[in-house]
Every structure is written in C-alpha cells, then in structure tokens.
C-alpha atoms as a PDB file:
ATOM      1  CA  UNK A   1      47.980  11.667 -21.968  1.00  0.00           C
ATOM      2  CA  UNK A   2      50.267  10.176 -19.385  1.00  0.00           C
ATOM      3  CA  UNK A   3      48.366   8.935 -16.296  1.00  0.00           C
ATOM      4  CA  UNK A   4      50.493   8.683 -13.187  1.00  0.00           C
ATOM      5  CA  UNK A   5      48.117   9.515 -10.319  1.00  0.00           C
ATOM      6  CA  UNK A   6      44.955   7.462 -10.172  1.00  0.00           C
ATOM      7  CA  UNK A   7      42.076   7.954  -7.728  1.00  0.00           C
ATOM      8  CA  UNK A   8      39.668   5.080  -7.202  1.00  0.00           C
ATOM      9  CA  UNK A   9      36.384   6.192  -5.619  1.00  0.00           C
ATOM     10  CA  UNK A  10      34.697   3.379  -3.750  1.00  0.00           C
ATOM     11  CA  UNK A  11      36.435   0.472  -2.014  1.00  0.00           C
ATOM     12  CA  UNK A  12      33.714  -2.146  -2.465  1.00  0.00           C
ATOM     13  CA  UNK A  13      33.794  -5.458  -4.335  1.00  0.00           C
ATOM     14  CA  UNK A  14      35.517  -4.087  -7.475  1.00  0.00           C
ATOM     15  CA  UNK A  15      36.886  -0.771  -6.220  1.00  0.00           C
ATOM     16  CA  UNK A  16      39.507  -2.268  -3.955  1.00  0.00           C
ATOM     17  CA  UNK A  17      40.559  -4.732  -6.629  1.00  0.00           C
ATOM     18  CA  UNK A  18      41.022  -1.942  -9.219  1.00  0.00           C
ATOM     19  CA  UNK A  19      43.024   0.124  -6.707  1.00  0.00           C
ATOM     20  CA  UNK A  20      45.371  -2.738  -5.838  1.00  0.00           C
ATOM     21  CA  UNK A  21      45.798  -3.767  -9.493  1.00  0.00           C
ATOM     22  CA  UNK A  22      46.825  -0.233 -10.461  1.00  0.00           C
ATOM     23  CA  UNK A  23      49.166   0.077  -7.468  1.00  0.00           C
ATOM     24  CA  UNK A  24      50.718  -3.318  -8.241  1.00  0.00           C
ATOM     25  CA  UNK A  25      51.541  -2.064 -11.768  1.00  0.00           C
ATOM     26  CA  UNK A  26      53.311   1.024 -10.486  1.00  0.00           C
ATOM     27  CA  UNK A  27      50.667   3.748 -10.399  1.00  0.00           C
ATOM     28  CA  UNK A  28      50.271   6.142  -7.512  1.00  0.00           C
ATOM     29  CA  UNK A  29      46.803   5.281  -6.216  1.00  0.00           C
ATOM     30  CA  UNK A  30      44.531   7.213  -3.865  1.00  0.00           C
ATOM     31  CA  UNK A  31      41.630   5.169  -2.496  1.00  0.00           C
ATOM     32  CA  UNK A  32      38.618   7.359  -1.605  1.00  0.00           C
ATOM     33  CA  UNK A  33      35.554   6.299   0.369  1.00  0.00           C
ATOM     34  CA  UNK A  34      32.981   8.103   2.472  1.00  0.00           C
ATOM     35  CA  UNK A  35      34.456   7.233   5.882  1.00  0.00           C
ATOM     36  CA  UNK A  36      37.757   6.303   7.493  1.00  0.00           C
ATOM     37  CA  UNK A  37      36.033   3.261   8.983  1.00  0.00           C
ATOM     38  CA  UNK A  38      35.247   1.896   5.497  1.00  0.00           C
ATOM     39  CA  UNK A  39      38.828   2.627   4.415  1.00  0.00           C
ATOM     40  CA  UNK A  40      40.178   0.640   7.351  1.00  0.00           C
ATOM     41  CA  UNK A  41      38.114  -2.334   6.158  1.00  0.00           C
ATOM     42  CA  UNK A  42      39.613  -1.845   2.681  1.00  0.00           C
ATOM     43  CA  UNK A  43      43.104  -2.126   4.104  1.00  0.00           C
ATOM     44  CA  UNK A  44      42.209  -5.551   5.538  1.00  0.00           C
ATOM     45  CA  UNK A  45      40.901  -6.624   2.126  1.00  0.00           C
ATOM     46  CA  UNK A  46      44.143  -5.534   0.503  1.00  0.00           C
ATOM     47  CA  UNK A  47      46.065  -7.848   2.835  1.00  0.00           C
ATOM     48  CA  UNK A  48      43.833 -10.769   1.758  1.00  0.00           C
ATOM     49  CA  UNK A  49      44.145  -9.784  -1.880  1.00  0.00           C
ATOM     50  CA  UNK A  50      47.911  -9.767  -1.740  1.00  0.00           C
ATOM     51  CA  UNK A  51      47.813 -13.479  -0.891  1.00  0.00           C
ATOM     52  CA  UNK A  52      45.740 -14.078  -4.018  1.00  0.00           C
ATOM     53  CA  UNK A  53      48.359 -12.227  -6.063  1.00  0.00           C
ATOM     54  CA  UNK A  54      51.035 -14.546  -4.619  1.00  0.00           C
ATOM     55  CA  UNK A  55      49.031 -17.636  -5.454  1.00  0.00           C
ATOM     56  CA  UNK A  56      47.673 -16.712  -8.827  1.00  0.00           C
ATOM     57  CA  UNK A  57      50.317 -14.375 -10.272  1.00  0.00           C
ATOM     58  CA  UNK A  58      53.390 -15.638  -8.412  1.00  0.00           C
ATOM     59  CA  UNK A  59      53.846 -12.105  -7.077  1.00  0.00           C
ATOM     60  CA  UNK A  60      56.863 -11.656  -4.894  1.00  0.00           C
ATOM     61  CA  UNK A  61      56.789  -9.977  -1.480  1.00  0.00           C
ATOM     62  CA  UNK A  62      58.976  -7.214  -2.934  1.00  0.00           C
ATOM     63  CA  UNK A  63      56.381  -6.488  -5.651  1.00  0.00           C
ATOM     64  CA  UNK A  64      53.576  -6.484  -3.074  1.00  0.00           C
ATOM     65  CA  UNK A  65      55.507  -4.129  -0.796  1.00  0.00           C
ATOM     66  CA  UNK A  66      55.799  -1.700  -3.696  1.00  0.00           C
ATOM     67  CA  UNK A  67      52.053  -2.022  -4.342  1.00  0.00           C
ATOM     68  CA  UNK A  68      51.229  -1.194  -0.709  1.00  0.00           C
ATOM     69  CA  UNK A  69      53.588   1.733  -0.831  1.00  0.00           C
ATOM     70  CA  UNK A  70      51.740   3.072  -3.871  1.00  0.00           C
ATOM     71  CA  UNK A  71      48.384   3.074  -1.998  1.00  0.00           C
ATOM     72  CA  UNK A  72      47.094   6.171  -0.210  1.00  0.00           C
ATOM     73  CA  UNK A  73      43.769   6.579   1.584  1.00  0.00           C
ATOM     74  CA  UNK A  74      41.444   9.486   2.315  1.00  0.00           C
ATOM     75  CA  UNK A  75      37.799  10.215   3.035  1.00  0.00           C
ATOM     76  CA  UNK A  76      38.280  13.850   1.897  1.00  0.00           C
ATOM     77  CA  UNK A  77      37.056  14.099  -1.662  1.00  0.00           C
ATOM     78  CA  UNK A  78      39.003  17.284  -2.498  1.00  0.00           C
ATOM     79  CA  UNK A  79      42.240  15.761  -1.200  1.00  0.00           C
ATOM     80  CA  UNK A  80      41.564  12.536  -3.115  1.00  0.00           C
ATOM     81  CA  UNK A  81      41.324  14.403  -6.384  1.00  0.00           C
ATOM     82  CA  UNK A  82      43.980  17.065  -5.832  1.00  0.00           C
ATOM     83  CA  UNK A  83      46.556  15.522  -8.214  1.00  0.00           C
ATOM     84  CA  UNK A  84      44.390  12.976 -10.054  1.00  0.00           C
ATOM     85  CA  UNK A  85      45.126  12.321 -13.685  1.00  0.00           C
ATOM     86  CA  UNK A  86      42.451   9.625 -13.805  1.00  0.00           C
ATOM     87  CA  UNK A  87      39.436   9.056 -11.573  1.00  0.00           C
ATOM     88  CA  UNK A  88      37.885   5.576 -11.636  1.00  0.00           C
ATOM     89  CA  UNK A  89      34.447   5.689 -10.049  1.00  0.00           C
ATOM     90  CA  UNK A  90      33.248   2.469  -8.449  1.00  0.00           C
ATOM     91  CA  UNK A  91      30.455   3.780  -6.188  1.00  0.00           C
ATOM     92  CA  UNK A  92      27.234   1.746  -5.731  1.00  0.00           C
ATOM     93  CA  UNK A  93      25.272   0.853  -8.864  1.00  0.00           C
ATOM     94  CA  UNK A  94      22.553   3.401  -8.286  1.00  0.00           C
ATOM     95  CA  UNK A  95      21.838   6.266 -10.694  1.00  0.00           C
ATOM     96  CA  UNK A  96      20.994   8.847  -8.000  1.00  0.00           C
ATOM     97  CA  UNK A  97      24.165   8.016  -6.050  1.00  0.00           C
ATOM     98  CA  UNK A  98      26.342   8.280  -9.147  1.00  0.00           C
ATOM     99  CA  UNK A  99      24.782  11.547 -10.275  1.00  0.00           C
ATOM    100  CA  UNK A 100      25.294  13.041  -6.821  1.00  0.00           C
ATOM    101  CA  UNK A 101      28.912  11.839  -6.818  1.00  0.00           C
ATOM    102  CA  UNK A 102      29.691  13.396 -10.236  1.00  0.00           C
ATOM    103  CA  UNK A 103      28.079  16.666  -9.307  1.00  0.00           C
ATOM    104  CA  UNK A 104      30.449  16.833  -6.328  1.00  0.00           C
ATOM    105  CA  UNK A 105      33.643  15.766  -8.087  1.00  0.00           C
ATOM    106  CA  UNK A 106      33.051  18.047 -11.062  1.00  0.00           C
ATOM    107  CA  UNK A 107      33.461  20.985  -8.641  1.00  0.00           C
ATOM    108  CA  UNK A 108      36.745  19.857  -7.061  1.00  0.00           C
ATOM    109  CA  UNK A 109      38.630  17.798  -9.654  1.00  0.00           C
ATOM    110  CA  UNK A 110      41.464  19.476 -11.624  1.00  0.00           C
ATOM    111  CA  UNK A 111      40.723  20.282 -15.260  1.00  0.00           C
ATOM    112  CA  UNK A 112      43.184  17.573 -16.381  1.00  0.00           C
ATOM    113  CA  UNK A 113      41.350  14.767 -14.615  1.00  0.00           C
ATOM    114  CA  UNK A 114      39.695  12.134 -16.830  1.00  0.00           C
ATOM    115  CA  UNK A 115      36.630  10.501 -15.324  1.00  0.00           C
ATOM    116  CA  UNK A 116      35.925   6.766 -15.871  1.00  0.00           C
ATOM    117  CA  UNK A 117      32.878   4.962 -14.531  1.00  0.00           C
ATOM    118  CA  UNK A 118      33.023   1.267 -13.685  1.00  0.00           C
ATOM    119  CA  UNK A 119      29.229   1.050 -13.873  1.00  0.00           C
ATOM    120  CA  UNK A 120      28.091  -2.410 -14.956  1.00  0.00           C
ATOM    121  CA  UNK A 121      24.664  -1.438 -16.245  1.00  0.00           C
ATOM    122  CA  UNK A 122      24.382   2.355 -16.712  1.00  0.00           C
ATOM    123  CA  UNK A 123      25.247   3.918 -20.057  1.00  0.00           C
ATOM    124  CA  UNK A 124      27.938   6.609 -19.755  1.00  0.00           C
ATOM    125  CA  UNK A 125      25.699   9.050 -21.649  1.00  0.00           C
ATOM    126  CA  UNK A 126      23.264   8.963 -18.704  1.00  0.00           C
ATOM    127  CA  UNK A 127      26.003  10.503 -16.539  1.00  0.00           C
ATOM    128  CA  UNK A 128      28.115  12.488 -19.010  1.00  0.00           C
ATOM    129  CA  UNK A 129      26.422  15.876 -18.595  1.00  0.00           C
ATOM    130  CA  UNK A 130      26.648  15.612 -14.795  1.00  0.00           C
ATOM    131  CA  UNK A 131      30.439  15.296 -14.961  1.00  0.00           C
ATOM    132  CA  UNK A 132      30.914  18.796 -16.389  1.00  0.00           C
ATOM    133  CA  UNK A 133      33.444  17.311 -18.807  1.00  0.00           C
ATOM    134  CA  UNK A 134      31.663  14.880 -21.119  1.00  0.00           C
ATOM    135  CA  UNK A 135      34.565  14.821 -23.578  1.00  0.00           C
ATOM    136  CA  UNK A 136      36.754  13.510 -20.729  1.00  0.00           C
ATOM    137  CA  UNK A 137      34.263  10.935 -19.511  1.00  0.00           C
ATOM    138  CA  UNK A 138      34.282   7.248 -20.394  1.00  0.00           C
ATOM    139  CA  UNK A 139      33.329   3.785 -19.084  1.00  0.00           C
ATOM    140  CA  UNK A 140      36.033   1.383 -17.913  1.00  0.00           C
ATOM    141  CA  UNK A 141      34.610  -1.908 -16.769  1.00  0.00           C
ATOM    142  CA  UNK A 142      36.365  -4.876 -15.139  1.00  0.00           C
ATOM    143  CA  UNK A 143      35.317  -8.429 -14.420  1.00  0.00           C
ATOM    144  CA  UNK A 144      35.496  -9.589 -10.816  1.00  0.00           C
ATOM    145  CA  UNK A 145      38.802 -11.017  -9.648  1.00  0.00           C
ATOM    146  CA  UNK A 146      40.447  -8.725 -12.167  1.00  0.00           C
ATOM    147  CA  UNK A 147      43.943 -10.031 -11.562  1.00  0.00           C
ATOM    148  CA  UNK A 148      42.829 -13.370 -13.032  1.00  0.00           C
ATOM    149  CA  UNK A 149      39.850 -12.433 -15.241  1.00  0.00           C
ATOM    150  CA  UNK A 150      41.728  -9.496 -16.676  1.00  0.00           C
ATOM    151  CA  UNK A 151      39.284  -7.920 -19.066  1.00  0.00           C
ATOM    152  CA  UNK A 152      39.245  -4.125 -19.429  1.00  0.00           C
ATOM    153  CA  UNK A 153      36.157  -3.025 -21.377  1.00  0.00           C
ATOM    154  CA  UNK A 154      36.666   0.559 -22.543  1.00  0.00           C
ATOM    155  CA  UNK A 155      33.385   2.067 -23.808  1.00  0.00           C
ATOM    156  CA  UNK A 156      33.002   5.571 -25.195  1.00  0.00           C
ATOM    157  CA  UNK A 157      29.829   7.617 -25.471  1.00  0.00           C
ATOM    158  CA  UNK A 158      29.082  10.032 -28.360  1.00  0.00           C
ATOM    159  CA  UNK A 159      30.991  12.925 -26.757  1.00  0.00           C
ATOM    160  CA  UNK A 160      34.098  11.094 -25.540  1.00  0.00           C
ATOM    161  CA  UNK A 161      37.192  12.443 -27.285  1.00  0.00           C
ATOM    162  CA  UNK A 162      39.372  10.128 -29.303  1.00  0.00           C
ATOM    163  CA  UNK A 163      42.353  11.164 -27.167  1.00  0.00           C
ATOM    164  CA  UNK A 164      40.607  10.065 -23.945  1.00  0.00           C
ATOM    165  CA  UNK A 165      39.410   6.812 -25.515  1.00  0.00           C
ATOM    166  CA  UNK A 166      42.931   5.888 -26.574  1.00  0.00           C
ATOM    167  CA  UNK A 167      44.522   7.012 -23.311  1.00  0.00           C
ATOM    168  CA  UNK A 168      42.180   4.851 -21.207  1.00  0.00           C
ATOM    169  CA  UNK A 169      42.845   1.874 -23.512  1.00  0.00           C
ATOM    170  CA  UNK A 170      46.570   2.418 -22.911  1.00  0.00           C
ATOM    171  CA  UNK A 171      46.011   2.664 -19.159  1.00  0.00           C
ATOM    172  CA  UNK A 172      44.020  -0.599 -19.094  1.00  0.00           C
ATOM    173  CA  UNK A 173      46.892  -2.332 -20.922  1.00  0.00           C
ATOM    174  CA  UNK A 174      49.394  -0.808 -18.503  1.00  0.00           C
ATOM    175  CA  UNK A 175      47.677  -2.455 -15.528  1.00  0.00           C
ATOM    176  CA  UNK A 176      47.691  -5.896 -17.124  1.00  0.00           C
ATOM    177  CA  UNK A 177      44.270  -5.946 -18.729  1.00  0.00           C
ATOM    178  CA  UNK A 178      43.260  -7.469 -22.034  1.00  0.00           C
ATOM    179  CA  UNK A 179      41.636  -4.358 -23.488  1.00  0.00           C
ATOM    180  CA  UNK A 180      38.262  -4.627 -25.168  1.00  0.00           C
ATOM    181  CA  UNK A 181      37.462  -1.367 -27.044  1.00  0.00           C
ATOM    182  CA  UNK A 182      33.754  -0.670 -27.422  1.00  0.00           C
ATOM    183  CA  UNK A 183      33.088   2.063 -29.984  1.00  0.00           C
ATOM    184  CA  UNK A 184      29.331   2.424 -29.411  1.00  0.00           C
ATOM    185  CA  UNK A 185      27.379   2.414 -26.163  1.00  0.00           C
ATOM    186  CA  UNK A 186      25.874  -0.953 -25.257  1.00  0.00           C
ATOM    187  CA  UNK A 187      24.069  -1.725 -22.007  1.00  0.00           C
ATOM    188  CA  UNK A 188      26.143  -4.421 -20.292  1.00  0.00           C
ATOM    189  CA  UNK A 189      29.171  -3.862 -22.544  1.00  0.00           C
ATOM    190  CA  UNK A 190      30.303  -7.210 -24.013  1.00  0.00           C
ATOM    191  CA  UNK A 191      30.826  -9.455 -20.959  1.00  0.00           C
ATOM    192  CA  UNK A 192      27.544  -8.613 -19.244  1.00  0.00           C
ATOM    193  CA  UNK A 193      25.635  -8.641 -22.514  1.00  0.00           C
ATOM    194  CA  UNK A 194      26.620 -12.285 -22.670  1.00  0.00           C
ATOM    195  CA  UNK A 195      26.315 -12.994 -18.930  1.00  0.00           C
ATOM    196  CA  UNK A 196      23.097 -11.180 -17.941  1.00  0.00           C
ATOM    197  CA  UNK A 197      20.696 -13.417 -19.896  1.00  0.00           C
ATOM    198  CA  UNK A 198      22.166 -16.402 -18.029  1.00  0.00           C
ATOM    199  CA  UNK A 199      21.815 -14.797 -14.600  1.00  0.00           C
ATOM    200  CA  UNK A 200      18.334 -13.465 -15.405  1.00  0.00           C
ATOM    201  CA  UNK A 201      17.134 -16.882 -16.539  1.00  0.00           C
ATOM    202  CA  UNK A 202      18.527 -18.484 -13.379  1.00  0.00           C
ATOM    203  CA  UNK A 203      16.802 -15.928 -11.134  1.00  0.00           C
ATOM    204  CA  UNK A 204      13.509 -16.432 -12.978  1.00  0.00           C
ATOM    205  CA  UNK A 205      13.726 -20.237 -12.566  1.00  0.00           C
ATOM    206  CA  UNK A 206      14.386 -19.673  -8.854  1.00  0.00           C
ATOM    207  CA  UNK A 207      11.664 -17.088  -8.001  1.00  0.00           C
ATOM    208  CA  UNK A 208       9.086 -19.008 -10.053  1.00  0.00           C
ATOM    209  CA  UNK A 209       9.996 -22.144  -8.056  1.00  0.00           C
ATOM    210  CA  UNK A 210      10.841 -24.117 -11.178  1.00  0.00           C
ATOM    211  CA  UNK A 211      13.947 -25.464  -9.467  1.00  0.00           C
ATOM    212  CA  UNK A 212      16.280 -24.742  -6.561  1.00  0.00           C
ATOM    213  CA  UNK A 213      19.601 -22.862  -6.516  1.00  0.00           C
ATOM    214  CA  UNK A 214      21.902 -25.913  -6.343  1.00  0.00           C
ATOM    215  CA  UNK A 215      20.060 -27.781  -9.082  1.00  0.00           C
ATOM    216  CA  UNK A 216      20.152 -24.785 -11.411  1.00  0.00           C
ATOM    217  CA  UNK A 217      23.862 -24.343 -10.827  1.00  0.00           C
ATOM    218  CA  UNK A 218      24.533 -28.054 -11.159  1.00  0.00           C
ATOM    219  CA  UNK A 219      22.681 -28.130 -14.487  1.00  0.00           C
ATOM    220  CA  UNK A 220      24.845 -25.369 -15.929  1.00  0.00           C
ATOM    221  CA  UNK A 221      28.090 -26.822 -14.616  1.00  0.00           C
ATOM    222  CA  UNK A 222      27.435 -30.370 -15.882  1.00  0.00           C
ATOM    223  CA  UNK A 223      26.079 -29.242 -19.251  1.00  0.00           C
ATOM    224  CA  UNK A 224      28.798 -26.722 -20.087  1.00  0.00           C
ATOM    225  CA  UNK A 225      31.841 -27.741 -17.997  1.00  0.00           C
ATOM    226  CA  UNK A 226      31.801 -24.313 -16.309  1.00  0.00           C
ATOM    227  CA  UNK A 227      33.561 -24.122 -12.904  1.00  0.00           C
ATOM    228  CA  UNK A 228      30.529 -22.541 -11.298  1.00  0.00           C
ATOM    229  CA  UNK A 229      26.862 -21.939 -12.032  1.00  0.00           C
ATOM    230  CA  UNK A 230      24.910 -18.651 -12.241  1.00  0.00           C
ATOM    231  CA  UNK A 231      24.282 -18.394  -8.475  1.00  0.00           C
ATOM    232  CA  UNK A 232      27.940 -19.022  -7.723  1.00  0.00           C
ATOM    233  CA  UNK A 233      28.793 -16.292 -10.221  1.00  0.00           C
ATOM    234  CA  UNK A 234      26.330 -13.902  -8.519  1.00  0.00           C
ATOM    235  CA  UNK A 235      28.013 -14.541  -5.165  1.00  0.00           C
ATOM    236  CA  UNK A 236      31.312 -13.473  -6.787  1.00  0.00           C
ATOM    237  CA  UNK A 237      29.742 -10.405  -8.450  1.00  0.00           C
ATOM    238  CA  UNK A 238      28.067  -9.477  -5.153  1.00  0.00           C
ATOM    239  CA  UNK A 239      24.378  -9.806  -4.398  1.00  0.00           C
ATOM    240  CA  UNK A 240      24.053  -6.087  -3.756  1.00  0.00           C
ATOM    241  CA  UNK A 241      25.112  -5.414  -7.333  1.00  0.00           C
ATOM    242  CA  UNK A 242      22.731  -8.077  -8.623  1.00  0.00           C
ATOM    243  CA  UNK A 243      19.928  -6.561  -6.605  1.00  0.00           C
ATOM    244  CA  UNK A 244      20.663  -3.016  -7.799  1.00  0.00           C
ATOM    245  CA  UNK A 245      20.678  -4.093 -11.442  1.00  0.00           C
ATOM    246  CA  UNK A 246      17.343  -5.897 -11.065  1.00  0.00           C
ATOM    247  CA  UNK A 247      15.855  -2.971  -9.090  1.00  0.00           C
ATOM    248  CA  UNK A 248      16.862  -0.545 -11.839  1.00  0.00           C
ATOM    249  CA  UNK A 249      15.217  -2.847 -14.402  1.00  0.00           C
ATOM    250  CA  UNK A 250      12.111  -3.225 -12.212  1.00  0.00           C
ATOM    251  CA  UNK A 251      11.714   0.527 -11.801  1.00  0.00           C
ATOM    252  CA  UNK A 252      12.283   1.353 -15.447  1.00  0.00           C
ATOM    253  CA  UNK A 253      10.257  -1.443 -17.079  1.00  0.00           C
ATOM    254  CA  UNK A 254       7.677  -2.241 -14.383  1.00  0.00           C
ATOM    255  CA  UNK A 255       8.265  -5.878 -15.319  1.00  0.00           C
ATOM    256  CA  UNK A 256       6.452  -8.144 -12.865  1.00  0.00           C
ATOM    257  CA  UNK A 257       9.230 -10.731 -12.866  1.00  0.00           C
ATOM    258  CA  UNK A 258      11.943  -8.094 -12.255  1.00  0.00           C
ATOM    259  CA  UNK A 259       9.900  -6.663  -9.390  1.00  0.00           C
ATOM    260  CA  UNK A 260       9.463 -10.180  -7.960  1.00  0.00           C
ATOM    261  CA  UNK A 261      13.197 -10.880  -8.280  1.00  0.00           C
ATOM    262  CA  UNK A 262      14.315  -7.584  -6.706  1.00  0.00           C
ATOM    263  CA  UNK A 263      11.916  -7.969  -3.763  1.00  0.00           C
ATOM    264  CA  UNK A 264      13.075 -11.519  -3.069  1.00  0.00           C
ATOM    265  CA  UNK A 265      16.757 -10.565  -3.279  1.00  0.00           C
ATOM    266  CA  UNK A 266      16.278  -7.664  -0.915  1.00  0.00           C
ATOM    267  CA  UNK A 267      14.159  -9.507   1.680  1.00  0.00           C
ATOM    268  CA  UNK A 268      16.048 -12.775   1.781  1.00  0.00           C
ATOM    269  CA  UNK A 269      19.624 -11.687   1.053  1.00  0.00           C
ATOM    270  CA  UNK A 270      20.481  -7.931   1.076  1.00  0.00           C
ATOM    271  CA  UNK A 271      18.494  -7.084   4.215  1.00  0.00           C
ATOM    272  CA  UNK A 272      20.038 -10.050   6.023  1.00  0.00           C
ATOM    273  CA  UNK A 273      23.601  -9.135   5.077  1.00  0.00           C
ATOM    274  CA  UNK A 274      23.974 -12.220   2.866  1.00  0.00           C
ATOM    275  CA  UNK A 275      25.886 -10.443   0.128  1.00  0.00           C
ATOM    276  CA  UNK A 276      27.989 -13.197  -1.414  1.00  0.00           C
ATOM    277  CA  UNK A 277      31.704 -13.859  -1.018  1.00  0.00           C
ATOM    278  CA  UNK A 278      32.268 -10.374   0.386  1.00  0.00           C
ATOM    279  CA  UNK A 279      30.235 -11.181   3.482  1.00  0.00           C
ATOM    280  CA  UNK A 280      31.078 -14.876   3.726  1.00  0.00           C
ATOM    281  CA  UNK A 281      27.510 -15.938   2.908  1.00  0.00           C
ATOM    282  CA  UNK A 282      25.205 -15.511  -0.046  1.00  0.00           C
ATOM    283  CA  UNK A 283      23.596 -18.210  -2.101  1.00  0.00           C
ATOM    284  CA  UNK A 284      26.453 -20.339  -0.719  1.00  0.00           C
ATOM    285  CA  UNK A 285      28.618 -20.225   2.419  1.00  0.00           C
ATOM    286  CA  UNK A 286      32.314 -19.302   2.079  1.00  0.00           C
ATOM    287  CA  UNK A 287      35.225 -20.029   1.997  1.00  0.00           C
ATOM    288  CA  UNK A 288      34.104 -23.589   1.267  1.00  0.00           C
ATOM    289  CA  UNK A 289      31.073 -23.354  -1.045  1.00  0.00           C
ATOM    290  CA  UNK A 290      29.056 -26.451  -1.792  1.00  0.00           C
ATOM    291  CA  UNK A 291      29.621 -26.223  -5.546  1.00  0.00           C
ATOM    292  CA  UNK A 292      33.376 -26.784  -5.014  1.00  0.00           C
ATOM    293  CA  UNK A 293      32.840 -30.062  -3.182  1.00  0.00           C
ATOM    294  CA  UNK A 294      33.559 -33.302  -5.087  1.00  0.00           C
ATOM    295  CA  UNK A 295      30.081 -34.738  -4.796  1.00  0.00           C
ATOM    296  CA  UNK A 296      28.233 -31.584  -5.920  1.00  0.00           C
ATOM    297  CA  UNK A 297      27.954 -32.700  -9.530  1.00  0.00           C
ATOM    298  CA  UNK A 298      26.762 -36.204  -8.738  1.00  0.00           C
END
C-alpha cells in the first residue's frame, strides 16, 4: 500500500497535530470537521503549531509553507473521503459518537481507504464491525505534542490484515514517528497502560481530599525528576478526554470512585470550559503555569 492522500477527521487536541505532522512530511492532507466554524479555529491552531515546529524541530519557513500548502479543509464528509487512501479518526472519545461516525464513513469512503482510529481507550474490535471493512481497520495512537513526543502506537485487532498492519507502521515512520507495533489488543496501548494508573491515582487523591493538585504534582516532580506532574499532564492531554475516559469507566464498572471523579471533572472543569492548555485554563492557567515557575518545587 502506498498512502498519499490522508484524511484526518476531527481537528481537536490531537487531530490538528496529526494533520499538520502528516502535511509537514509531504502527505496531501484533508482536515474534516463538522462545521466550517470549527475548521476556521483549526487554521488558527495550525499557525500557532508552526511556531512550535520552528522552535522544537528547527523547521524552516519553506518547509512550513509546503506543509500549509498540503492542507485542505472541508465539512463535507463525502468530499473529505473522495480520494482518501488513509482515514485517521480523531473524533471525541465517546463510543456512541465513534460508532455513528463509522456508520457514516463506511457508506461514502472508497473501497481502498484504510481506517485508523486514534482512540486512547476503546479497543478497535469494539468498532471494527461498524466500519464495514474490519480487515482494513486498525488503531494508530499518538502522544500529545506529537512532533516532540513522537510515538506512533500501531495496534491491530484479530481481523486486521497483515498488509494493513505493515502499511500503517510504514506510514507512521514516514511522518517521523518512532513506531511501536502492538500485536494484540490492549486497553490503553503501551503508553497509556503505563500512564493511566498514575493519572487515576492522582485523581483519587484529589477527589478524596487526601491532598491538593499542586502538592500531588510537586510530589511526583520532586520524587522522579519529571518535568510535570499528573495534573499538568492532564492539562496537556485535555480535560475533556480525561473526563470521557473516566465517564466510560464509571458507566461500565459502576465504580463509586470513577463516578465521583467524572462528576467532579464535569462540574468543576468541563462545564466551565476549563479544558486544559487548549482553552488556556485547566488545573493550571496558561501560557505560564505554576509548575513551570522556579519556586514551585520548594
């Protein structure tokens, strides 16, 4: 398989990063979202992201100009998929939304199109039948700030063909990722399987009033030398995503602590638009969060 035309569905926290990364590495990228208004906001984010590429990757203006030239935008799903070799789905982390999305794209995508979900918590097998092409469906997961934290976790499900698995691994390499093949489904892949226990423990300490946000983060940073603590990490991930993951867990397990966490996140953060770095305010205020100040660890 030779992917040339890539469609990224969803221009949220990770979607716009994936789109720009692929465009920067020479792919023809169509960014799809549900409205032109949302797409206009994405264009603004691309301008900000280009500055990060200059700073962190020493990208030249010429390279960035090519990347922008490779980006196309549409809120028409059929048009977005017309020539797609690869669809990367980055819609909200909600099973009903994703199922509805795949039921729609399965009707309009060309037969050649490979579908890849960027879901951070849902197993691809939960969605595979809804795609209408389970053998051409796979998970491709990225860490936030993908141009710096360039992991590309490629996870197959039992029906994914070997050809698709290898082709998506090659694509991830082609856009500058360190590829991490995962041969068997695992909730949370590798990165989140390691990260989620940390974030869950931090949230439990917080909602049970064992300690406050800054103290929990300070503890982790001092003890491990990490550049940020779990709440700083959640601001980067996006509090909407953190909420959705905990809500899914609450609904499926009926765990009292997960219910408590999801309710608190919704009431105190999501409903108030405090969504993390993406909104300028979450557990910390940006662009100058407290955990980056010199006296934070004292």
